[in-house]
PDB file of N, CA and C in Angstrom:
ATOM      1  N   GLN A   1      12.724  12.281 -10.471  1.00  0.00           N
ATOM      2  CA  GLN A   1      11.349  12.053 -10.067  1.00  0.00           C
ATOM      3  C   GLN A   1      11.267  10.721  -9.333  1.00  0.00           C
ATOM      4  N   VAL A   2      10.463  10.680  -8.293  1.00  0.00           N
ATOM      5  CA  VAL A   2      10.313   9.476  -7.502  1.00  0.00           C
ATOM      6  C   VAL A   2       9.408   8.493  -8.233  1.00  0.00           C
ATOM      7  N   GLN A   3       9.833   7.245  -8.241  1.00  0.00           N
ATOM      8  CA  GLN A   3       9.049   6.167  -8.812  1.00  0.00           C
ATOM      9  C   GLN A   3       8.701   5.163  -7.714  1.00  0.00           C
ATOM     10  N   LEU A   4       7.448   4.732  -7.682  1.00  0.00           N
ATOM     11  CA  LEU A   4       6.998   3.715  -6.744  1.00  0.00           C
ATOM     12  C   LEU A   4       6.630   2.468  -7.536  1.00  0.00           C
ATOM     13  N   VAL A   5       7.256   1.357  -7.189  1.00  0.00           N
ATOM     14  CA  VAL A   5       7.037   0.103  -7.888  1.00  0.00           C
ATOM     15  C   VAL A   5       6.446  -0.910  -6.921  1.00  0.00           C
ATOM     16  N   GLU A   6       5.287  -1.450  -7.284  1.00  0.00           N
ATOM     17  CA  GLU A   6       4.567  -2.390  -6.448  1.00  0.00           C
ATOM     18  C   GLU A   6       4.725  -3.812  -6.968  1.00  0.00           C
ATOM     19  N   SER A   7       4.612  -4.756  -6.056  1.00  0.00           N
ATOM     20  CA  SER A   7       4.659  -6.163  -6.412  1.00  0.00           C
ATOM     21  C   SER A   7       3.923  -6.974  -5.348  1.00  0.00           C
ATOM     22  N   GLY A   8       3.659  -8.231  -5.648  1.00  0.00           N
ATOM     23  CA  GLY A   8       3.093  -9.149  -4.674  1.00  0.00           C
ATOM     24  C   GLY A   8       1.646  -9.518  -4.884  1.00  0.00           C
ATOM     25  N   GLY A   9       0.974  -8.875  -5.819  1.00  0.00           N
ATOM     26  CA  GLY A   9      -0.408  -9.219  -6.083  1.00  0.00           C
ATOM     27  C   GLY A   9      -0.529 -10.554  -6.788  1.00  0.00           C
ATOM     28  N   GLY A  10      -1.760 -11.013  -6.922  1.00  0.00           N
ATOM     29  CA  GLY A  10      -1.995 -12.272  -7.595  1.00  0.00           C
ATOM     30  C   GLY A  10      -3.376 -12.804  -7.329  1.00  0.00           C
ATOM     31  N   LEU A  11      -3.570 -14.041  -7.731  1.00  0.00           N
ATOM     32  CA  LEU A  11      -4.835 -14.742  -7.553  1.00  0.00           C
ATOM     33  C   LEU A  11      -4.721 -15.686  -6.364  1.00  0.00           C
ATOM     34  N   VAL A  12      -5.670 -15.594  -5.448  1.00  0.00           N
ATOM     35  CA  VAL A  12      -5.638 -16.419  -4.254  1.00  0.00           C
ATOM     36  C   VAL A  12      -7.059 -16.806  -3.867  1.00  0.00           C
ATOM     37  N   GLN A  13      -7.206 -17.967  -3.268  1.00  0.00           N
ATOM     38  CA  GLN A  13      -8.511 -18.405  -2.786  1.00  0.00           C
ATOM     39  C   GLN A  13      -8.882 -17.683  -1.497  1.00  0.00           C
ATOM     40  N   ALA A  14     -10.175 -17.560  -1.260  1.00  0.00           N
ATOM     41  CA  ALA A  14     -10.643 -16.972  -0.015  1.00  0.00           C
ATOM     42  C   ALA A  14     -10.002 -17.683   1.176  1.00  0.00           C
ATOM     43  N   GLY A  15      -9.575 -16.887   2.141  1.00  0.00           N
ATOM     44  CA  GLY A  15      -8.883 -17.416   3.301  1.00  0.00           C
ATOM     45  C   GLY A  15      -7.379 -17.422   3.174  1.00  0.00           C
ATOM     46  N   GLY A  16      -6.880 -17.180   1.988  1.00  0.00           N
ATOM     47  CA  GLY A  16      -5.452 -17.165   1.762  1.00  0.00           C
ATOM     48  C   GLY A  16      -4.809 -15.848   2.139  1.00  0.00           C
ATOM     49  N   SER A  17      -3.513 -15.743   1.842  1.00  0.00           N
ATOM     50  CA  SER A  17      -2.735 -14.573   2.233  1.00  0.00           C
ATOM     51  C   SER A  17      -1.870 -14.084   1.089  1.00  0.00           C
ATOM     52  N   LEU A  18      -1.564 -12.806   1.125  1.00  0.00           N
ATOM     53  CA  LEU A  18      -0.638 -12.174   0.199  1.00  0.00           C
ATOM     54  C   LEU A  18       0.155 -11.125   0.950  1.00  0.00           C
ATOM     55  N   ARG A  19       1.344 -10.833   0.438  1.00  0.00           N
ATOM     56  CA  ARG A  19       2.132  -9.737   0.966  1.00  0.00           C
ATOM     57  C   ARG A  19       2.503  -8.810  -0.177  1.00  0.00           C
ATOM     58  N   LEU A  20       2.000  -7.601  -0.127  1.00  0.00           N
ATOM     59  CA  LEU A  20       2.290  -6.599  -1.133  1.00  0.00           C
ATOM     60  C   LEU A  20       3.489  -5.764  -0.707  1.00  0.00           C
ATOM     61  N   SER A  21       4.294  -5.364  -1.679  1.00  0.00           N
ATOM     62  CA  SER A  21       5.443  -4.518  -1.429  1.00  0.00           C
ATOM     63  C   SER A  21       5.394  -3.316  -2.350  1.00  0.00           C
ATOM     64  N   CYS A  22       5.958  -2.214  -1.890  1.00  0.00           N
ATOM     65  CA  CYS A  22       6.047  -1.002  -2.690  1.00  0.00           C
ATOM     66  C   CYS A  22       7.345  -0.302  -2.332  1.00  0.00           C
ATOM     67  N   ALA A  23       8.227  -0.154  -3.303  1.00  0.00           N
ATOM     68  CA  ALA A  23       9.534   0.440  -3.081  1.00  0.00           C
ATOM     69  C   ALA A  23       9.703   1.706  -3.904  1.00  0.00           C
ATOM     70  N   ALA A  24      10.264   2.726  -3.286  1.00  0.00           N
ATOM     71  CA  ALA A  24      10.482   4.003  -3.945  1.00  0.00           C
ATOM     72  C   ALA A  24      11.939   4.158  -4.361  1.00  0.00           C
ATOM     73  N   SER A  25      12.136   4.798  -5.491  1.00  0.00           N
ATOM     74  CA  SER A  25      13.469   5.152  -5.948  1.00  0.00           C
ATOM     75  C   SER A  25      13.434   6.561  -6.509  1.00  0.00           C
ATOM     76  N   GLY A  26      14.601   7.189  -6.601  1.00  0.00           N
ATOM     77  CA  GLY A  26      14.695   8.534  -7.115  1.00  0.00           C
ATOM     78  C   GLY A  26      15.248   9.487  -6.082  1.00  0.00           C
ATOM     79  N   SER A  27      15.052  10.763  -6.338  1.00  0.00           N
ATOM     80  CA  SER A  27      15.580  11.811  -5.471  1.00  0.00           C
ATOM     81  C   SER A  27      14.613  12.058  -4.320  1.00  0.00           C
ATOM     82  N   ILE A  28      15.014  11.627  -3.127  1.00  0.00           N
ATOM     83  CA  ILE A  28      14.169  11.726  -1.946  1.00  0.00           C
ATOM     84  C   ILE A  28      14.976  12.282  -0.789  1.00  0.00           C
ATOM     85  N   PHE A  29      14.443  13.303  -0.164  1.00  0.00           N
ATOM     86  CA  PHE A  29      15.001  13.764   1.092  1.00  0.00           C
ATOM     87  C   PHE A  29      14.404  12.987   2.259  1.00  0.00           C
ATOM     88  N   ARG A  30      13.081  12.869   2.250  1.00  0.00           N
ATOM     89  CA  ARG A  30      12.404  12.170   3.328  1.00  0.00           C
ATOM     90  C   ARG A  30      11.076  11.619   2.829  1.00  0.00           C
ATOM     91  N   ILE A  31      10.725  10.458   3.327  1.00  0.00           N
ATOM     92  CA  ILE A  31       9.408   9.899   3.101  1.00  0.00           C
ATOM     93  C   ILE A  31       8.629  10.009   4.400  1.00  0.00           C
ATOM     94  N   GLY A  32       7.486  10.654   4.325  1.00  0.00           N
ATOM     95  CA  GLY A  32       6.635  10.779   5.491  1.00  0.00           C
ATOM     96  C   GLY A  32       5.733   9.573   5.625  1.00  0.00           C
ATOM     97  N   ALA A  33       4.434   9.827   5.680  1.00  0.00           N
ATOM     98  CA  ALA A  33       3.478   8.737   5.799  1.00  0.00           C
ATOM     99  C   ALA A  33       3.474   7.878   4.540  1.00  0.00           C
ATOM    100  N   MET A  34       3.220   6.601   4.737  1.00  0.00           N
ATOM    101  CA  MET A  34       3.013   5.658   3.649  1.00  0.00           C
ATOM    102  C   MET A  34       1.615   5.081   3.798  1.00  0.00           C
ATOM    103  N   ALA A  35       0.969   4.806   2.688  1.00  0.00           N
ATOM    104  CA  ALA A  35      -0.407   4.335   2.744  1.00  0.00           C
ATOM    105  C   ALA A  35      -0.700   3.373   1.613  1.00  0.00           C
ATOM    106  N   TRP A  36      -1.758   2.595   1.813  1.00  0.00           N
ATOM    107  CA  TRP A  36      -2.298   1.725   0.781  1.00  0.00           C
ATOM    108  C   TRP A  36      -3.746   2.107   0.509  1.00  0.00           C
ATOM    109  N   TYR A  37      -4.096   2.090  -0.763  1.00  0.00           N
ATOM    110  CA  TYR A  37      -5.456   2.297  -1.232  1.00  0.00           C
ATOM    111  C   TYR A  37      -5.827   1.129  -2.139  1.00  0.00           C
ATOM    112  N   ARG A  38      -7.119   1.000  -2.422  1.00  0.00           N
ATOM    113  CA  ARG A  38      -7.540  -0.017  -3.368  1.00  0.00           C
ATOM    114  C   ARG A  38      -8.731   0.489  -4.162  1.00  0.00           C
ATOM    115  N   GLN A  39      -8.891  -0.085  -5.351  1.00  0.00           N
ATOM    116  CA  GLN A  39      -9.986   0.291  -6.224  1.00  0.00           C
ATOM    117  C   GLN A  39     -10.535  -0.961  -6.890  1.00  0.00           C
ATOM    118  N   ALA A  40     -11.781  -1.281  -6.573  1.00  0.00           N
ATOM    119  CA  ALA A  40     -12.467  -2.401  -7.189  1.00  0.00           C
ATOM    120  C   ALA A  40     -13.085  -1.945  -8.507  1.00  0.00           C
ATOM    121  N   PRO A  41     -13.355  -2.875  -9.416  1.00  0.00           N
ATOM    122  CA  PRO A  41     -13.952  -2.498 -10.700  1.00  0.00           C
ATOM    123  C   PRO A  41     -15.250  -1.723 -10.520  1.00  0.00           C
ATOM    124  N   GLY A  42     -15.348  -0.587 -11.189  1.00  0.00           N
ATOM    125  CA  GLY A  42     -16.547   0.231 -11.113  1.00  0.00           C
ATOM    126  C   GLY A  42     -16.730   0.994  -9.825  1.00  0.00           C
ATOM    127  N   LYS A  43     -15.743   0.960  -8.938  1.00  0.00           N
ATOM    128  CA  LYS A  43     -15.845   1.623  -7.647  1.00  0.00           C
ATOM    129  C   LYS A  43     -14.820   2.739  -7.524  1.00  0.00           C
ATOM    130  N   GLN A  44     -15.059   3.619  -6.570  1.00  0.00           N
ATOM    131  CA  GLN A  44     -14.100   4.668  -6.262  1.00  0.00           C
ATOM    132  C   GLN A  44     -12.915   4.090  -5.495  1.00  0.00           C
ATOM    133  N   ARG A  45     -11.783   4.717  -5.653  1.00  0.00           N
ATOM    134  CA  ARG A  45     -10.624   4.324  -4.883  1.00  0.00           C
ATOM    135  C   ARG A  45     -10.863   4.632  -3.408  1.00  0.00           C
ATOM    136  N   GLU A  46     -10.520   3.684  -2.537  1.00  0.00           N
ATOM    137  CA  GLU A  46     -10.712   3.876  -1.118  1.00  0.00           C
ATOM    138  C   GLU A  46      -9.410   3.665  -0.350  1.00  0.00           C
ATOM    139  N   TRP A  47      -9.271   4.392   0.726  1.00  0.00           N
ATOM    140  CA  TRP A  47      -8.135   4.246   1.597  1.00  0.00           C
ATOM    141  C   TRP A  47      -8.234   2.951   2.396  1.00  0.00           C
ATOM    142  N   VAL A  48      -7.110   2.284   2.593  1.00  0.00           N
ATOM    143  CA  VAL A  48      -7.073   1.011   3.295  1.00  0.00           C
ATOM    144  C   VAL A  48      -6.267   1.088   4.587  1.00  0.00           C
ATOM    145  N   ALA A  49      -5.060   1.635   4.525  1.00  0.00           N
ATOM    146  CA  ALA A  49      -4.186   1.642   5.696  1.00  0.00           C
ATOM    147  C   ALA A  49      -3.136   2.722   5.551  1.00  0.00           C
ATOM    148  N   THR A  50      -2.672   3.233   6.680  1.00  0.00           N
ATOM    149  CA  THR A  50      -1.617   4.235   6.725  1.00  0.00           C
ATOM    150  C   THR A  50      -0.623   3.880   7.817  1.00  0.00           C
ATOM    151  N   ILE A  51       0.641   4.137   7.559  1.00  0.00           N
ATOM    152  CA  ILE A  51       1.666   4.072   8.588  1.00  0.00           C
ATOM    153  C   ILE A  51       2.433   5.383   8.548  1.00  0.00           C
ATOM    154  N   THR A  52       2.544   6.042   9.694  1.00  0.00           N
ATOM    155  CA  THR A  52       3.226   7.323   9.767  1.00  0.00           C
ATOM    156  C   THR A  52       4.728   7.119   9.811  1.00  0.00           C
ATOM    157  N   SER A  53       5.452   8.231   9.711  1.00  0.00           N
ATOM    158  CA  SER A  53       6.899   8.157   9.807  1.00  0.00           C
ATOM    159  C   SER A  53       7.353   7.631  11.165  1.00  0.00           C
ATOM    160  N   GLY A  54       6.526   7.819  12.181  1.00  0.00           N
ATOM    161  CA  GLY A  54       6.831   7.312  13.508  1.00  0.00           C
ATOM    162  C   GLY A  54       6.385   5.888  13.750  1.00  0.00           C
ATOM    163  N   GLY A  55       5.704   5.288  12.782  1.00  0.00           N
ATOM    164  CA  GLY A  55       5.327   3.892  12.886  1.00  0.00           C
ATOM    165  C   GLY A  55       3.923   3.619  13.391  1.00  0.00           C
ATOM    166  N   SER A  56       3.136   4.647  13.653  1.00  0.00           N
ATOM    167  CA  SER A  56       1.764   4.404  14.070  1.00  0.00           C
ATOM    168  C   SER A  56       0.913   4.049  12.860  1.00  0.00           C
ATOM    169  N   THR A  57      -0.096   3.214  13.078  1.00  0.00           N
ATOM    170  CA  THR A  57      -0.890   2.680  11.975  1.00  0.00           C
ATOM    171  C   THR A  57      -2.365   2.950  12.166  1.00  0.00           C
ATOM    172  N   ASN A  58      -3.070   3.016  11.049  1.00  0.00           N
ATOM    173  CA  ASN A  58      -4.520   3.125  11.024  1.00  0.00           C
ATOM    174  C   ASN A  58      -5.045   2.281   9.880  1.00  0.00           C
ATOM    175  N   TYR A  59      -6.245   1.716  10.082  1.00  0.00           N
ATOM    176  CA  TYR A  59      -6.808   0.801   9.109  1.00  0.00           C
ATOM    177  C   TYR A  59      -8.277   1.082   8.857  1.00  0.00           C
ATOM    178  N   LEU A  60      -8.692   0.781   7.640  1.00  0.00           N
ATOM    179  CA  LEU A  60     -10.106   0.714   7.324  1.00  0.00           C
ATOM    180  C   LEU A  60     -10.748  -0.343   8.221  1.00  0.00           C
ATOM    181  N   ASP A  61     -11.922  -0.055   8.754  1.00  0.00           N
ATOM    182  CA  ASP A  61     -12.552  -0.963   9.705  1.00  0.00           C
ATOM    183  C   ASP A  61     -12.685  -2.390   9.165  1.00  0.00           C
ATOM    184  N   SER A  62     -13.033  -2.528   7.909  1.00  0.00           N
ATOM    185  CA  SER A  62     -13.292  -3.843   7.352  1.00  0.00           C
ATOM    186  C   SER A  62     -12.045  -4.709   7.191  1.00  0.00           C
ATOM    187  N   VAL A  63     -10.867  -4.119   7.339  1.00  0.00           N
ATOM    188  CA  VAL A  63      -9.634  -4.892   7.200  1.00  0.00           C
ATOM    189  C   VAL A  63      -8.886  -5.042   8.516  1.00  0.00           C
ATOM    190  N   LYS A  64      -9.366  -4.429   9.570  1.00  0.00           N
ATOM    191  CA  LYS A  64      -8.693  -4.524  10.864  1.00  0.00           C
ATOM    192  C   LYS A  64      -8.611  -5.973  11.320  1.00  0.00           C
ATOM    193  N   GLY A  65      -7.441  -6.352  11.789  1.00  0.00           N
ATOM    194  CA  GLY A  65      -7.216  -7.719  12.230  1.00  0.00           C
ATOM    195  C   GLY A  65      -6.795  -8.652  11.123  1.00  0.00           C
ATOM    196  N   ARG A  66      -6.944  -8.242   9.874  1.00  0.00           N
ATOM    197  CA  ARG A  66      -6.550  -9.069   8.730  1.00  0.00           C
ATOM    198  C   ARG A  66      -5.370  -8.492   7.962  1.00  0.00           C
ATOM    199  N   PHE A  67      -5.306  -7.171   7.896  1.00  0.00           N
ATOM    200  CA  PHE A  67      -4.246  -6.496   7.155  1.00  0.00           C
ATOM    201  C   PHE A  67      -3.251  -5.887   8.136  1.00  0.00           C
ATOM    202  N   ALA A  68      -1.988  -5.875   7.763  1.00  0.00           N
ATOM    203  CA  ALA A  68      -0.953  -5.241   8.569  1.00  0.00           C
ATOM    204  C   ALA A  68      -0.008  -4.464   7.670  1.00  0.00           C
ATOM    205  N   ILE A  69       0.107  -3.179   7.932  1.00  0.00           N
ATOM    206  CA  ILE A  69       1.016  -2.329   7.175  1.00  0.00           C
ATOM    207  C   ILE A  69       2.308  -2.158   7.966  1.00  0.00           C
ATOM    208  N   SER A  70       3.428  -2.173   7.274  1.00  0.00           N
ATOM    209  CA  SER A  70       4.729  -1.988   7.907  1.00  0.00           C
ATOM    210  C   SER A  70       5.647  -1.259   6.946  1.00  0.00           C
ATOM    211  N   ARG A  71       6.773  -0.769   7.451  1.00  0.00           N
ATOM    212  CA  ARG A  71       7.698  -0.039   6.590  1.00  0.00           C
ATOM    213  C   ARG A  71       9.127  -0.372   6.945  1.00  0.00           C
ATOM    214  N   ASP A  72       9.989  -0.270   5.961  1.00  0.00           N
ATOM    215  CA  ASP A  72      11.423  -0.428   6.119  1.00  0.00           C
ATOM    216  C   ASP A  72      12.044   0.835   5.550  1.00  0.00           C
ATOM    217  N   ASN A  73      12.403   1.751   6.423  1.00  0.00           N
ATOM    218  CA  ASN A  73      12.899   3.043   5.969  1.00  0.00           C
ATOM    219  C   ASN A  73      14.228   2.937   5.226  1.00  0.00           C
ATOM    220  N   ALA A  74      15.062   1.985   5.621  1.00  0.00           N
ATOM    221  CA  ALA A  74      16.344   1.810   4.954  1.00  0.00           C
ATOM    222  C   ALA A  74      16.173   1.396   3.500  1.00  0.00           C
ATOM    223  N   LYS A  75      15.056   0.736   3.200  1.00  0.00           N
ATOM    224  CA  LYS A  75      14.775   0.278   1.843  1.00  0.00           C
ATOM    225  C   LYS A  75      13.744   1.133   1.129  1.00  0.00           C
ATOM    226  N   ASN A  76      13.274   2.193   1.775  1.00  0.00           N
ATOM    227  CA  ASN A  76      12.220   3.040   1.206  1.00  0.00           C
ATOM    228  C   ASN A  76      11.045   2.198   0.725  1.00  0.00           C
ATOM    229  N   THR A  77      10.618   1.294   1.578  1.00  0.00           N
ATOM    230  CA  THR A  77       9.626   0.303   1.193  1.00  0.00           C
ATOM    231  C   THR A  77       8.507   0.213   2.221  1.00  0.00           C
ATOM    232  N   VAL A  78       7.290   0.041   1.730  1.00  0.00           N
ATOM    233  CA  VAL A  78       6.134  -0.235   2.566  1.00  0.00           C
ATOM    234  C   VAL A  78       5.578  -1.596   2.172  1.00  0.00           C
ATOM    235  N   TYR A  79       5.033  -2.296   3.145  1.00  0.00           N
ATOM    236  CA  TYR A  79       4.459  -3.612   2.926  1.00  0.00           C
ATOM    237  C   TYR A  79       3.014  -3.630   3.396  1.00  0.00           C
ATOM    238  N   LEU A  80       2.252  -4.504   2.806  1.00  0.00           N
ATOM    239  CA  LEU A  80       0.907  -4.779   3.288  1.00  0.00           C
ATOM    240  C   LEU A  80       0.732  -6.289   3.345  1.00  0.00           C
ATOM    241  N   GLN A  81       0.718  -6.827   4.555  1.00  0.00           N
ATOM    242  CA  GLN A  81       0.436  -8.237   4.766  1.00  0.00           C
ATOM    243  C   GLN A  81      -1.067  -8.402   4.840  1.00  0.00           C
ATOM    244  N   ILE A  82      -1.606  -9.231   3.988  1.00  0.00           N
ATOM    245  CA  ILE A  82      -3.044  -9.437   3.896  1.00  0.00           C
ATOM    246  C   ILE A  82      -3.344 -10.892   4.224  1.00  0.00           C
ATOM    247  N   ASN A  83      -4.107 -11.114   5.276  1.00  0.00           N
ATOM    248  CA  ASN A  83      -4.497 -12.453   5.693  1.00  0.00           C
ATOM    249  C   ASN A  83      -6.013 -12.613   5.611  1.00  0.00           C
ATOM    250  N   SER A  84      -6.452 -13.857   5.622  1.00  0.00           N
ATOM    251  CA  SER A  84      -7.879 -14.173   5.612  1.00  0.00           C
ATOM    252  C   SER A  84      -8.610 -13.413   4.516  1.00  0.00           C
ATOM    253  N   LEU A  85      -8.084 -13.501   3.328  1.00  0.00           N
ATOM    254  CA  LEU A  85      -8.640 -12.752   2.208  1.00  0.00           C
ATOM    255  C   LEU A  85     -10.083 -13.136   1.925  1.00  0.00           C
ATOM    256  N   LYS A  86     -10.862 -12.142   1.556  1.00  0.00           N
ATOM    257  CA  LYS A  86     -12.255 -12.303   1.191  1.00  0.00           C
ATOM    258  C   LYS A  86     -12.453 -11.860  -0.249  1.00  0.00           C
ATOM    259  N   PRO A  87     -13.470 -12.387  -0.930  1.00  0.00           N
ATOM    260  CA  PRO A  87     -13.734 -11.924  -2.299  1.00  0.00           C
ATOM    261  C   PRO A  87     -13.911 -10.414  -2.387  1.00  0.00           C
ATOM    262  N   GLU A  88     -14.439  -9.797  -1.352  1.00  0.00           N
ATOM    263  CA  GLU A  88     -14.623  -8.353  -1.337  1.00  0.00           C
ATOM    264  C   GLU A  88     -13.310  -7.582  -1.345  1.00  0.00           C
ATOM    265  N   ASP A  89     -12.197  -8.261  -1.075  1.00  0.00           N
ATOM    266  CA  ASP A  89     -10.891  -7.619  -1.115  1.00  0.00           C
ATOM    267  C   ASP A  89     -10.345  -7.504  -2.532  1.00  0.00           C
ATOM    268  N   THR A  90     -11.005  -8.116  -3.490  1.00  0.00           N
ATOM    269  CA  THR A  90     -10.549  -8.057  -4.875  1.00  0.00           C
ATOM    270  C   THR A  90     -10.520  -6.608  -5.355  1.00  0.00           C
ATOM    271  N   ALA A  91      -9.358  -6.172  -5.818  1.00  0.00           N
ATOM    272  CA  ALA A  91      -9.182  -4.788  -6.252  1.00  0.00           C
ATOM    273  C   ALA A  91      -7.766  -4.617  -6.765  1.00  0.00           C
ATOM    274  N   VAL A  92      -7.530  -3.478  -7.385  1.00  0.00           N
ATOM    275  CA  VAL A  92      -6.174  -3.040  -7.647  1.00  0.00           C
ATOM    276  C   VAL A  92      -5.711  -2.257  -6.426  1.00  0.00           C
ATOM    277  N   TYR A  93      -4.569  -2.640  -5.891  1.00  0.00           N
ATOM    278  CA  TYR A  93      -4.037  -2.003  -4.697  1.00  0.00           C
ATOM    279  C   TYR A  93      -2.923  -1.037  -5.085  1.00  0.00           C
ATOM    280  N   TYR A  94      -2.988   0.174  -4.539  1.00  0.00           N
ATOM    281  CA  TYR A  94      -2.039   1.233  -4.839  1.00  0.00           C
ATOM    282  C   TYR A  94      -1.345   1.694  -3.568  1.00  0.00           C
ATOM    283  N   CYS A  95      -0.047   1.905  -3.655  1.00  0.00           N
ATOM    284  CA  CYS A  95       0.672   2.519  -2.552  1.00  0.00           C
ATOM    285  C   CYS A  95       0.804   4.010  -2.797  1.00  0.00           C
ATOM    286  N   LYS A  96       0.918   4.751  -1.725  1.00  0.00           N
ATOM    287  CA  LYS A  96       1.119   6.193  -1.795  1.00  0.00           C
ATOM    288  C   LYS A  96       2.106   6.614  -0.720  1.00  0.00           C
ATOM    289  N   PHE A  97       3.108   7.382  -1.121  1.00  0.00           N
ATOM    290  CA  PHE A  97       4.078   7.936  -0.185  1.00  0.00           C
ATOM    291  C   PHE A  97       3.962   9.450  -0.172  1.00  0.00           C
ATOM    292  N   VAL A  98       4.117  10.056   0.990  1.00  0.00           N
ATOM    293  CA  VAL A  98       4.306  11.487   1.082  1.00  0.00           C
ATOM    294  C   VAL A  98       5.802  11.743   0.970  1.00  0.00           C
ATOM    295  N   ILE A  99       6.203  12.428  -0.098  1.00  0.00           N
ATOM    296  CA  ILE A  99       7.606  12.667  -0.403  1.00  0.00           C
ATOM    297  C   ILE A  99       7.961  14.113  -0.090  1.00  0.00           C
ATOM    298  N   THR A 100       9.047  14.314   0.634  1.00  0.00           N
ATOM    299  CA  THR A 100       9.609  15.637   0.843  1.00  0.00           C
ATOM    300  C   THR A 100      10.937  15.713   0.101  1.00  0.00           C
ATOM    301  N   THR A 101      11.073  16.718  -0.752  1.00  0.00           N
ATOM    302  CA  THR A 101      12.294  16.885  -1.536  1.00  0.00           C
ATOM    303  C   THR A 101      13.324  17.676  -0.756  1.00  0.00           C
ATOM    304  N   TRP A 102      14.538  17.728  -1.306  1.00  0.00           N
ATOM    305  CA  TRP A 102      15.605  18.507  -0.674  1.00  0.00           C
ATOM    306  C   TRP A 102      15.274  19.995  -0.620  1.00  0.00           C
ATOM    307  N   SER A 103      14.426  20.470  -1.516  1.00  0.00           N
ATOM    308  CA  SER A 103      14.030  21.871  -1.519  1.00  0.00           C
ATOM    309  C   SER A 103      12.940  22.173  -0.496  1.00  0.00           C
ATOM    310  N   GLY A 104      12.392  21.157   0.126  1.00  0.00           N
ATOM    311  CA  GLY A 104      11.372  21.339   1.140  1.00  0.00           C
ATOM    312  C   GLY A 104       9.953  21.150   0.660  1.00  0.00           C
ATOM    313  N   ALA A 105       9.767  20.897  -0.611  1.00  0.00           N
ATOM    314  CA  ALA A 105       8.430  20.666  -1.140  1.00  0.00           C
ATOM    315  C   ALA A 105       7.962  19.253  -0.805  1.00  0.00           C
ATOM    316  N   SER A 106       6.673  19.119  -0.555  1.00  0.00           N
ATOM    317  CA  SER A 106       6.083  17.821  -0.277  1.00  0.00           C
ATOM    318  C   SER A 106       4.985  17.520  -1.283  1.00  0.00           C
ATOM    319  N   TYR A 107       4.873  16.252  -1.645  1.00  0.00           N
ATOM    320  CA  TYR A 107       3.847  15.846  -2.589  1.00  0.00           C
ATOM    321  C   TYR A 107       3.554  14.364  -2.413  1.00  0.00           C
ATOM    322  N   ASP A 108       2.433  13.933  -2.960  1.00  0.00           N
ATOM    323  CA  ASP A 108       2.050  12.526  -2.933  1.00  0.00           C
ATOM    324  C   ASP A 108       2.569  11.832  -4.178  1.00  0.00           C
ATOM    325  N   SER A 109       3.179  10.679  -3.981  1.00  0.00           N
ATOM    326  CA  SER A 109       3.629   9.850  -5.080  1.00  0.00           C
ATOM    327  C   SER A 109       2.882   8.515  -5.023  1.00  0.00           C
ATOM    328  N   TRP A 110       2.395   8.070  -6.175  1.00  0.00           N
ATOM    329  CA  TRP A 110       1.568   6.867  -6.270  1.00  0.00           C
ATOM    330  C   TRP A 110       2.255   5.764  -7.054  1.00  0.00           C
ATOM    331  N   GLY A 111       2.019   4.531  -6.634  1.00  0.00           N
ATOM    332  CA  GLY A 111       2.468   3.382  -7.388  1.00  0.00           C
ATOM    333  C   GLY A 111       1.541   3.091  -8.548  1.00  0.00           C
ATOM    334  N   GLN A 112       1.942   2.146  -9.377  1.00  0.00           N
ATOM    335  CA  GLN A 112       1.182   1.823 -10.579  1.00  0.00           C
ATOM    336  C   GLN A 112       0.007   0.891 -10.312  1.00  0.00           C
ATOM    337  N   GLY A 113      -0.029   0.293  -9.152  1.00  0.00           N
ATOM    338  CA  GLY A 113      -1.086  -0.632  -8.787  1.00  0.00           C
ATOM    339  C   GLY A 113      -0.702  -2.079  -9.012  1.00  0.00           C
ATOM    340  N   THR A 114      -1.195  -2.941  -8.150  1.00  0.00           N
ATOM    341  CA  THR A 114      -1.007  -4.378  -8.306  1.00  0.00           C
ATOM    342  C   THR A 114      -2.344  -5.063  -8.052  1.00  0.00           C
ATOM    343  N   GLN A 115      -2.686  -6.004  -8.911  1.00  0.00           N
ATOM    344  CA  GLN A 115      -3.992  -6.648  -8.871  1.00  0.00           C
ATOM    345  C   GLN A 115      -4.028  -7.740  -7.814  1.00  0.00           C
ATOM    346  N   VAL A 116      -5.050  -7.691  -6.976  1.00  0.00           N
ATOM    347  CA  VAL A 116      -5.343  -8.755  -6.022  1.00  0.00           C
ATOM    348  C   VAL A 116      -6.710  -9.320  -6.381  1.00  0.00           C
ATOM    349  N   THR A 117      -6.756 -10.604  -6.676  1.00  0.00           N
ATOM    350  CA  THR A 117      -8.005 -11.264  -7.021  1.00  0.00           C
ATOM    351  C   THR A 117      -8.234 -12.424  -6.062  1.00  0.00           C
ATOM    352  N   VAL A 118      -9.388 -12.431  -5.413  1.00  0.00           N
ATOM    353  CA  VAL A 118      -9.725 -13.449  -4.426  1.00  0.00           C
ATOM    354  C   VAL A 118     -10.911 -14.249  -4.944  1.00  0.00           C
ATOM    355  N   SER A 119     -10.729 -15.537  -5.090  1.00  0.00           N
ATOM    356  CA  SER A 119     -11.791 -16.417  -5.561  1.00  0.00           C
ATOM    357  C   SER A 119     -12.477 -17.096  -4.387  1.00  0.00           C
ATOM    358  N   SER A 120     -13.751 -17.413  -4.543  1.00  0.00           N
ATOM    359  CA  SER A 120     -14.534 -18.032  -3.488  1.00  0.00           C
ATOM    360  C   SER A 120     -14.755 -19.507  -3.738  1.00  0.00           C
TER     361      SER A 120
END
C-alpha cells in the first residue's frame, strides 16, 4: 500500500515562508497528478494547487503568486513553497497523489496532514 508522508509545517509569522514536502513509498507503477489541499478549523477541506504529470500547474486564486507547487519524480515527492504567508493560510495541509498500480488501477492516496500556523 502506498504511504504519503508530509513534513515542513510549523509556526511562522505573517509574511514568512515555509516549504512543505510529501513523499510517497510503496508499490507504485506511476504517479499521475499531485495536489495540495488544506483544511482550516471548522471548515471544509479545499483544493490549493495541482501539478500534472507533465508539469503544468494550477492554483487557488487566493494563493497565486505566493504558492508554488513542484515535483521530483525520481523521489516520488511533491513540494509546496509558500511565501508571504497570511493568517488566513492557517490550516492542516494535505497532499494527494493519483496512484496507478501495476495492475492498471488508479486511486487517490492522501497524506496525514501537516499543520501550518501563521501568526499576525
